[in-house]
Protein backbone atom coordinates (compact mmCIF):
# COMPACT_ATOMS: atom_id res chain seq x y z
CA MET A 1 0.04 0.04 0.06
CA PRO A 2 1.77 3.06 -1.13
CA LYS A 3 2.21 5.79 1.40
CA TRP A 4 2.08 9.09 -0.40
CA THR A 5 3.69 10.99 2.46
CA ASP A 6 5.86 10.03 5.43
CA THR A 7 4.16 12.64 7.62
CA LYS A 8 1.66 11.25 10.02
CA VAL A 9 -1.34 13.53 10.29
CA ALA A 10 -3.38 13.41 13.50
CA GLY A 11 -1.52 10.18 14.16
CA TYR A 12 -2.63 8.58 10.95
CA THR A 13 -0.75 7.31 7.87
CA LEU A 14 -2.03 8.52 4.56
CA TYR A 15 -1.97 6.04 1.62
CA PHE A 16 -3.85 4.40 -1.11
CA THR A 17 -3.95 0.84 -2.12
CA THR A 18 -2.76 -0.73 -5.48
CA HIS A 19 -6.16 -1.67 -6.52
CA ASP A 20 -7.43 1.88 -6.18
CA GLY A 21 -6.21 2.89 -9.62
CA GLY A 22 -9.71 2.48 -11.27
CA GLU A 23 -11.10 5.17 -8.91
CA PRO A 24 -10.72 8.93 -8.75
CA VAL A 25 -7.68 10.15 -6.65
CA HIS A 26 -8.29 9.77 -2.98
CA SER A 27 -6.42 9.02 0.25
CA HIS A 28 -7.03 6.49 2.93
CA ALA A 29 -6.17 7.43 6.58
CA SER A 30 -5.33 4.52 8.95
CA THR A 31 -3.34 3.49 11.82
CA LYS A 32 0.26 2.26 11.29
CA ARG A 33 -1.08 -1.25 10.54
CA LEU A 34 -2.57 0.07 7.22
CA VAL A 35 -5.74 -1.87 7.38
CA GLU A 36 -8.84 -0.50 5.64
CA ALA A 37 -11.16 -1.53 8.37
CA GLY A 38 -11.81 1.52 10.41
CA SER A 39 -9.83 3.75 8.05
CA ALA A 40 -11.15 6.93 6.52
CA LYS A 41 -11.50 7.46 2.70
CA ILE A 42 -11.28 11.03 1.30
CA TRP A 43 -11.96 11.92 -2.29
CA VAL A 44 -9.74 14.73 -3.72
CA TYR A 45 -10.90 17.33 -6.23
CA GLN A 46 -8.38 18.74 -8.73
CA ASN A 47 -8.03 22.02 -6.72
CA GLY A 48 -7.27 19.91 -3.51
CA ASN A 49 -10.66 20.32 -1.96
CA THR A 50 -11.81 17.08 -0.35
CA GLU A 51 -15.01 15.08 0.30
CA VAL A 52 -15.07 12.44 2.88
CA ALA A 53 -16.48 9.12 1.54
CA ASP A 54 -16.01 7.29 4.91
CA SER A 55 -14.75 8.70 8.10
CA GLY A 56 -14.06 5.30 9.61
CA ASN A 57 -13.20 5.37 13.26
CA LEU A 58 -11.69 8.94 13.01
CA SER A 59 -13.12 11.98 14.86
CA SER A 60 -14.29 14.94 12.98
CA THR A 61 -11.29 16.91 14.36
CA GLU A 62 -8.82 14.29 12.89
CA ILE A 63 -10.68 14.37 9.57
CA LYS A 64 -10.46 18.20 9.31
CA ARG A 65 -6.74 18.11 10.04
CA ILE A 66 -6.20 15.41 7.46
CA CYS A 67 -8.36 17.23 4.85
CA LYS A 68 -6.32 20.43 5.44
CA PHE A 69 -3.11 18.44 5.03
CA ILE A 70 -4.22 16.89 1.72
CA LYS A 71 -5.21 20.32 0.36
CA GLU A 72 -1.82 21.85 1.42
CA ASN A 73 0.05 18.73 -0.06
CA LYS A 74 -2.12 17.88 -2.93
CA GLN A 75 0.90 18.08 -5.47
CA ASP A 76 2.59 15.27 -3.52
CA LEU A 77 -0.36 13.06 -3.70
CA PHE A 78 -0.92 13.63 -7.38
CA GLU A 79 2.62 12.91 -8.18
CA VAL A 80 2.63 9.61 -6.27
CA TRP A 81 -0.74 8.62 -7.78
CA HIS A 82 0.51 9.49 -11.29
CA THR A 83 3.73 7.46 -10.75
CA THR A 84 1.81 4.50 -9.48
CA PHE A 85 -1.33 4.49 -11.82
CA GLY A 86 -0.55 6.80 -14.79
CA ASP A 87 -3.52 9.03 -15.65
CA LEU A 88 -5.27 11.09 -12.86
CA GLU A 89 -8.96 11.01 -12.49
CA PHE A 90 -10.63 13.48 -10.14
CA PHE A 91 -13.67 13.28 -7.98
CA GLY A 92 -16.38 15.48 -9.58
CA ALA A 93 -15.03 14.97 -12.97
CA PRO A 94 -16.13 11.48 -14.02
CA GLY A 95 -14.61 10.10 -17.18
CA LYS A 96 -12.14 13.02 -17.58
CA LYS A 97 -8.47 11.97 -17.50
CA PHE A 98 -5.56 14.08 -16.52
CA ASN A 99 -1.72 13.91 -16.60
CA LEU A 100 1.10 15.74 -15.07
CA THR A 101 3.62 17.67 -16.97
CA GLU A 102 7.31 17.44 -16.20
CA LYS A 103 6.85 20.71 -14.31
CA GLY A 104 4.12 19.05 -12.21
CA ASP A 105 1.20 21.00 -13.86
CA ILE A 106 -2.05 19.10 -14.36
CA THR A 107 -3.19 18.87 -18.00
CA ALA A 108 -6.55 17.42 -19.42
CA LEU A 109 -5.93 14.47 -21.56
CA THR A 110 -7.81 14.92 -24.90
CA PRO A 111 -7.86 12.40 -27.73
CA SER A 112 -5.35 14.45 -29.57
CA ASN A 113 -2.74 14.82 -26.95
CA VAL A 114 -3.19 11.05 -25.81
CA PHE A 115 -2.35 10.15 -29.39
CA VAL A 116 0.73 12.37 -29.34
CA GLU A 117 1.95 11.01 -26.02
CA LYS A 118 1.54 7.46 -27.13
CA ASN A 119 3.44 8.15 -30.47
CA GLN A 120 6.26 9.95 -28.62
CA LYS A 121 6.57 6.96 -26.34
CA ASN A 122 6.85 4.57 -29.25
CA LYS A 123 9.77 6.47 -30.87
C-alpha cells in the first residue's frame, strides 16, 4: 500500500492501495497497520478540496486536520498517484483523465494529446 507521504497527520498514515487505480484520486487514513477496516477514505478534487467518503473510526477533528493536510500537499499526492497508476481522474469529473507535465502541472488528456503522447513513447 503506497504511502504518499511519510508525515503522520493526526496520528494517521495517509496512503492508497494498489487496487485503487480505477477510482478517482483519494487517500485513505489509517493506523500504522494500514488496514482498511476503520480507516477513512477521502476523495480529492483537482483543486485539492476534499470530500469524505467514509470517516471510519476517526473523529471530525482528525478528519478536518487530514483534509487540510491533503489540500496543502495535494501535489505530492498527485505525483505519487500518477507514478503508480498513470492518468489522474478526479472526484467530481467522471470520465475525464488528466496527466502531470514534467513541471508538475495538471493537463487534461484529450484524444489528440493522448495520441501524441503514445506516439512519442513509441519512438
